[in-house]
Amino acid sequence: MGKQRFEETGRGSFWGDFLYEQAVPQDHFLRQLDRVIDWEAFGAQLLALYEGQGEYGRPPYPPEALLKMLLLAYWFNLSEQQVEE
């Protein structure tokens, strides 16, 4: 199996992490979830459903990022466009 490639999301970059730290309070519900849920484990399971498993074709978005977006839309009653913004 080759190396998976994913679209850049901004997380893990200097400005992405800096802005996240400034914008979201430490005790926020979403930060608490991030501490208790192993998102990478979900991502590994979801990756098996990707055609080509991220190894060829256009780089997909990380599966855990898409899962988080779906949960945000559900929990906060947001449209796809609102979540993306």
N, C-alpha and C. Protein backbone atom coordinates (compact mmCIF):
# COMPACT_ATOMS: atom_id res chain seq x y z
N MET A 1 0.84 -1.17 0.00
CA MET A 1 0.00 0.00 0.00
C MET A 1 0.89 1.24 0.00
N GLY A 2 0.58 2.22 -0.85
CA GLY A 2 1.36 3.45 -0.93
C GLY A 2 0.98 4.46 0.14
N LYS A 3 1.57 5.62 0.03
CA LYS A 3 1.31 6.68 1.00
C LYS A 3 0.03 7.42 0.62
N GLN A 4 -0.84 7.63 1.62
CA GLN A 4 -2.06 8.38 1.37
C GLN A 4 -1.75 9.87 1.28
N ARG A 5 -2.51 10.55 0.43
CA ARG A 5 -2.37 12.00 0.27
C ARG A 5 -3.72 12.62 0.60
N PHE A 6 -3.68 13.76 1.28
CA PHE A 6 -4.93 14.45 1.62
C PHE A 6 -4.81 15.93 1.33
N GLU A 7 -5.95 16.56 1.07
CA GLU A 7 -6.00 18.01 0.90
C GLU A 7 -5.53 18.66 2.19
N GLU A 8 -4.86 19.79 2.06
CA GLU A 8 -4.44 20.56 3.23
C GLU A 8 -5.67 21.22 3.85
N THR A 9 -5.79 21.13 5.17
CA THR A 9 -6.94 21.72 5.85
C THR A 9 -6.59 22.97 6.64
N GLY A 10 -5.31 23.26 6.80
CA GLY A 10 -4.90 24.42 7.58
C GLY A 10 -4.55 24.06 9.01
N ARG A 11 -5.11 22.97 9.51
CA ARG A 11 -4.77 22.52 10.86
C ARG A 11 -3.35 21.99 10.82
N GLY A 12 -2.58 22.26 11.85
CA GLY A 12 -1.20 21.80 11.91
C GLY A 12 -0.24 22.82 11.34
N SER A 13 -0.76 23.84 10.66
CA SER A 13 0.12 24.90 10.18
C SER A 13 0.27 25.94 11.29
N PHE A 14 1.26 26.79 11.16
CA PHE A 14 1.49 27.80 12.20
C PHE A 14 0.25 28.67 12.39
N TRP A 15 -0.27 29.25 11.32
CA TRP A 15 -1.41 30.15 11.45
C TRP A 15 -2.68 29.40 11.80
N GLY A 16 -2.87 28.20 11.27
CA GLY A 16 -4.07 27.43 11.59
C GLY A 16 -4.16 27.14 13.07
N ASP A 17 -3.09 26.65 13.67
CA ASP A 17 -3.09 26.36 15.10
C ASP A 17 -3.18 27.63 15.93
N PHE A 18 -2.47 28.68 15.51
CA PHE A 18 -2.48 29.95 16.24
C PHE A 18 -3.90 30.52 16.30
N LEU A 19 -4.56 30.56 15.15
CA LEU A 19 -5.91 31.12 15.10
C LEU A 19 -6.89 30.26 15.89
N TYR A 20 -6.75 28.95 15.81
CA TYR A 20 -7.60 28.03 16.57
C TYR A 20 -7.45 28.29 18.07
N GLU A 21 -6.21 28.43 18.52
CA GLU A 21 -5.95 28.68 19.95
C GLU A 21 -6.55 30.00 20.40
N GLN A 22 -6.53 31.01 19.55
CA GLN A 22 -7.06 32.33 19.90
C GLN A 22 -8.58 32.37 19.85
N ALA A 23 -9.18 31.64 18.94
CA ALA A 23 -10.62 31.76 18.69
C ALA A 23 -11.49 30.87 19.56
N VAL A 24 -10.98 29.72 19.97
CA VAL A 24 -11.81 28.75 20.69
C VAL A 24 -11.35 28.64 22.14
N PRO A 25 -12.22 28.98 23.11
CA PRO A 25 -11.84 28.90 24.52
C PRO A 25 -11.46 27.46 24.92
N GLN A 26 -10.57 27.35 25.89
CA GLN A 26 -10.09 26.04 26.35
C GLN A 26 -11.21 25.14 26.86
N ASP A 27 -12.26 25.72 27.46
CA ASP A 27 -13.34 24.90 28.04
C ASP A 27 -14.52 24.71 27.08
N HIS A 28 -14.35 25.06 25.81
CA HIS A 28 -15.42 24.93 24.82
C HIS A 28 -15.76 23.45 24.59
N PHE A 29 -17.03 23.20 24.33
CA PHE A 29 -17.54 21.85 24.08
C PHE A 29 -16.73 21.11 23.01
N LEU A 30 -16.39 21.80 21.93
CA LEU A 30 -15.68 21.15 20.84
C LEU A 30 -14.25 20.77 21.23
N ARG A 31 -13.61 21.59 22.06
CA ARG A 31 -12.27 21.24 22.55
C ARG A 31 -12.35 20.02 23.48
N GLN A 32 -13.39 19.97 24.30
CA GLN A 32 -13.56 18.82 25.19
C GLN A 32 -13.73 17.54 24.37
N LEU A 33 -14.53 17.61 23.32
CA LEU A 33 -14.69 16.44 22.44
C LEU A 33 -13.36 16.04 21.81
N ASP A 34 -12.59 17.02 21.39
CA ASP A 34 -11.30 16.75 20.75
C ASP A 34 -10.36 16.01 21.70
N ARG A 35 -10.49 16.29 22.99
CA ARG A 35 -9.62 15.63 23.98
C ARG A 35 -10.04 14.18 24.26
N VAL A 36 -11.33 13.88 24.14
CA VAL A 36 -11.80 12.54 24.53
C VAL A 36 -12.04 11.59 23.36
N ILE A 37 -12.19 12.12 22.15
CA ILE A 37 -12.45 11.26 20.99
C ILE A 37 -11.17 11.07 20.19
N ASP A 38 -10.90 9.82 19.85
CA ASP A 38 -9.74 9.51 19.01
C ASP A 38 -10.17 9.61 17.54
N TRP A 39 -10.07 10.82 16.99
CA TRP A 39 -10.52 11.08 15.63
C TRP A 39 -9.73 10.28 14.61
N GLU A 40 -8.45 10.06 14.88
CA GLU A 40 -7.62 9.31 13.92
C GLU A 40 -8.09 7.87 13.78
N ALA A 41 -8.61 7.29 14.87
CA ALA A 41 -9.13 5.92 14.79
C ALA A 41 -10.35 5.88 13.87
N PHE A 42 -11.23 6.88 13.99
CA PHE A 42 -12.37 6.97 13.07
C PHE A 42 -11.88 7.16 11.64
N GLY A 43 -10.88 8.01 11.48
CA GLY A 43 -10.34 8.28 10.15
C GLY A 43 -9.79 7.03 9.50
N ALA A 44 -9.09 6.21 10.28
CA ALA A 44 -8.53 4.97 9.73
C ALA A 44 -9.63 4.03 9.26
N GLN A 45 -10.73 3.96 10.01
CA GLN A 45 -11.84 3.09 9.61
C GLN A 45 -12.54 3.63 8.38
N LEU A 46 -12.73 4.95 8.34
CA LEU A 46 -13.40 5.55 7.19
C LEU A 46 -12.55 5.51 5.93
N LEU A 47 -11.24 5.57 6.10
CA LEU A 47 -10.34 5.55 4.95
C LEU A 47 -10.52 4.27 4.13
N ALA A 48 -10.87 3.18 4.78
CA ALA A 48 -11.08 1.92 4.07
C ALA A 48 -12.23 2.03 3.07
N LEU A 49 -13.13 3.00 3.27
CA LEU A 49 -14.27 3.19 2.37
C LEU A 49 -13.95 4.09 1.19
N TYR A 50 -12.81 4.78 1.23
CA TYR A 50 -12.40 5.66 0.14
C TYR A 50 -11.97 4.83 -1.06
N GLU A 51 -12.44 5.20 -2.23
CA GLU A 51 -11.97 4.56 -3.46
C GLU A 51 -10.49 4.88 -3.61
N GLY A 52 -9.66 3.87 -3.67
CA GLY A 52 -8.21 4.06 -3.78
C GLY A 52 -7.55 4.41 -2.47
N GLN A 53 -8.33 4.56 -1.43
CA GLN A 53 -7.84 4.83 -0.07
C GLN A 53 -6.84 5.99 -0.01
N GLY A 54 -7.08 7.01 -0.81
CA GLY A 54 -6.26 8.21 -0.78
C GLY A 54 -4.90 8.07 -1.44
N GLU A 55 -4.68 6.99 -2.16
CA GLU A 55 -3.36 6.75 -2.76
C GLU A 55 -3.25 7.27 -4.18
N TYR A 56 -4.34 7.40 -4.89
CA TYR A 56 -4.28 7.89 -6.26
C TYR A 56 -5.49 8.76 -6.53
N GLY A 57 -5.46 9.44 -7.68
CA GLY A 57 -6.54 10.37 -8.01
C GLY A 57 -6.35 11.68 -7.28
N ARG A 58 -7.37 12.49 -7.32
CA ARG A 58 -7.33 13.78 -6.64
C ARG A 58 -7.23 13.55 -5.13
N PRO A 59 -6.37 14.30 -4.44
CA PRO A 59 -6.24 14.09 -2.99
C PRO A 59 -7.57 14.36 -2.27
N PRO A 60 -8.06 13.41 -1.50
CA PRO A 60 -9.31 13.61 -0.77
C PRO A 60 -9.07 14.42 0.50
N TYR A 61 -10.15 14.90 1.09
CA TYR A 61 -10.04 15.52 2.40
C TYR A 61 -9.88 14.42 3.43
N PRO A 62 -9.21 14.70 4.54
CA PRO A 62 -9.05 13.67 5.57
C PRO A 62 -10.43 13.21 6.07
N PRO A 63 -10.63 11.90 6.20
CA PRO A 63 -11.95 11.40 6.60
C PRO A 63 -12.41 11.96 7.94
N GLU A 64 -11.49 12.15 8.89
CA GLU A 64 -11.91 12.67 10.19
C GLU A 64 -12.38 14.11 10.09
N ALA A 65 -11.85 14.88 9.14
CA ALA A 65 -12.31 16.26 8.93
C ALA A 65 -13.74 16.26 8.41
N LEU A 66 -14.04 15.36 7.49
CA LEU A 66 -15.40 15.27 6.95
C LEU A 66 -16.38 14.79 8.02
N LEU A 67 -15.97 13.86 8.85
CA LEU A 67 -16.82 13.40 9.95
C LEU A 67 -17.12 14.55 10.91
N LYS A 68 -16.10 15.32 11.24
CA LYS A 68 -16.30 16.47 12.13
C LYS A 68 -17.28 17.47 11.52
N MET A 69 -17.17 17.69 10.21
CA MET A 69 -18.08 18.63 9.55
C MET A 69 -19.53 18.13 9.60
N LEU A 70 -19.73 16.84 9.39
CA LEU A 70 -21.08 16.28 9.48
C LEU A 70 -21.65 16.43 10.89
N LEU A 71 -20.83 16.19 11.89
CA LEU A 71 -21.29 16.31 13.28
C LEU A 71 -21.61 17.76 13.63
N LEU A 72 -20.78 18.70 13.18
CA LEU A 72 -21.06 20.12 13.41
C LEU A 72 -22.40 20.52 12.80
N ALA A 73 -22.64 20.09 11.57
CA ALA A 73 -23.90 20.41 10.89
C ALA A 73 -25.09 19.85 11.68
N TYR A 74 -24.96 18.65 12.19
CA TYR A 74 -26.04 18.01 12.94
C TYR A 74 -26.26 18.69 14.29
N TRP A 75 -25.19 18.85 15.07
CA TRP A 75 -25.31 19.41 16.42
C TRP A 75 -25.78 20.85 16.44
N PHE A 76 -25.34 21.65 15.47
CA PHE A 76 -25.65 23.07 15.47
C PHE A 76 -26.66 23.47 14.39
N ASN A 77 -27.31 22.47 13.77
CA ASN A 77 -28.34 22.69 12.75
C ASN A 77 -27.85 23.66 11.67
N LEU A 78 -26.73 23.32 11.07
CA LEU A 78 -26.10 24.16 10.05
C LEU A 78 -26.23 23.51 8.67
N SER A 79 -26.29 24.34 7.65
CA SER A 79 -26.27 23.83 6.29
C SER A 79 -24.83 23.47 5.93
N GLU A 80 -24.65 22.78 4.82
CA GLU A 80 -23.30 22.46 4.36
C GLU A 80 -22.49 23.73 4.13
N GLN A 81 -23.13 24.72 3.53
CA GLN A 81 -22.43 25.98 3.26
C GLN A 81 -22.02 26.67 4.56
N GLN A 82 -22.90 26.67 5.57
CA GLN A 82 -22.56 27.30 6.85
C GLN A 82 -21.40 26.59 7.53
N VAL A 83 -21.37 25.28 7.45
CA VAL A 83 -20.27 24.53 8.06
C VAL A 83 -18.97 24.87 7.35
N GLU A 84 -19.02 24.94 6.04
CA GLU A 84 -17.82 25.22 5.26
C GLU A 84 -17.27 26.62 5.56
N GLU A 85 -18.16 27.57 5.79
CA GLU A 85 -17.72 28.94 6.10
C GLU A 85 -17.12 28.98 7.48
